[in-house]
Amino acid sequence: MTARFVVLYDTPSDVEAFERHYNDVHIPLAKQIPGLTFRGLIMQLEEVPR
């Protein structure tokens, strides 16, 4: 069985702090999930009109 996760965030007020926290906290936590394969990361950091 395959499951896919898509996570969307609003543009952070401090992009560098967001990326640091994501890489230092979220990625290591995700790597602890048994059977998880990480295929990639796409980041769009420009403002998208609503």
Protein backbone atom coordinates (compact mmCIF):
# COMPACT_ATOMS: atom_id res chain seq x y z
CA MET A 1 0.00 0.00 0.00
CA THR A 2 1.32 3.43 -0.92
CA ALA A 3 0.44 6.67 0.80
CA ARG A 4 1.51 10.12 -0.31
CA PHE A 5 1.75 13.23 1.77
CA VAL A 6 1.64 16.77 0.52
CA VAL A 7 2.29 19.56 2.99
CA LEU A 8 1.56 23.19 2.16
CA TYR A 9 2.78 26.14 4.21
CA ASP A 10 2.14 29.85 3.88
CA THR A 11 5.21 31.93 3.12
CA PRO A 12 7.10 32.19 6.43
CA SER A 13 8.10 35.57 7.78
CA ASP A 14 11.66 34.26 8.23
CA VAL A 15 12.48 31.92 5.35
CA GLU A 16 15.96 31.01 6.62
CA ALA A 17 14.65 30.05 10.07
CA PHE A 18 11.84 28.01 8.49
CA GLU A 19 14.26 26.09 6.26
CA ARG A 20 16.67 25.51 9.15
CA HIS A 21 13.90 24.17 11.39
CA TYR A 22 12.47 22.03 8.58
CA ASN A 23 15.86 20.49 7.81
CA ASP A 24 17.02 20.14 11.42
CA VAL A 25 13.74 18.93 12.98
CA HIS A 26 11.14 17.73 10.47
CA ILE A 27 13.38 15.75 8.11
CA PRO A 28 15.10 13.78 10.94
CA LEU A 29 11.69 13.00 12.49
CA ALA A 30 10.32 11.82 9.13
CA LYS A 31 13.36 9.59 8.59
CA GLN A 32 12.40 7.71 11.78
CA ILE A 33 9.13 6.49 10.21
CA PRO A 34 9.59 2.84 9.22
CA GLY A 35 9.21 2.20 5.49
CA LEU A 36 9.16 5.86 4.54
CA THR A 37 10.91 6.74 1.31
CA PHE A 38 11.68 10.36 0.62
CA ARG A 39 11.44 11.29 -3.05
CA GLY A 40 12.11 14.99 -2.95
CA LEU A 41 11.19 18.44 -1.87
CA ILE A 42 9.71 21.24 -3.93
CA MET A 43 9.71 24.72 -2.48
CA GLN A 44 8.03 27.72 -4.03
CA LEU A 45 8.96 30.75 -2.00
CA GLU A 46 7.38 33.44 -4.09
CA GLU A 47 4.01 34.94 -3.30
CA VAL A 48 1.17 33.33 -5.25
CA PRO A 49 -1.82 35.54 -6.10
CA ARG A 50 -5.03 34.38 -4.43
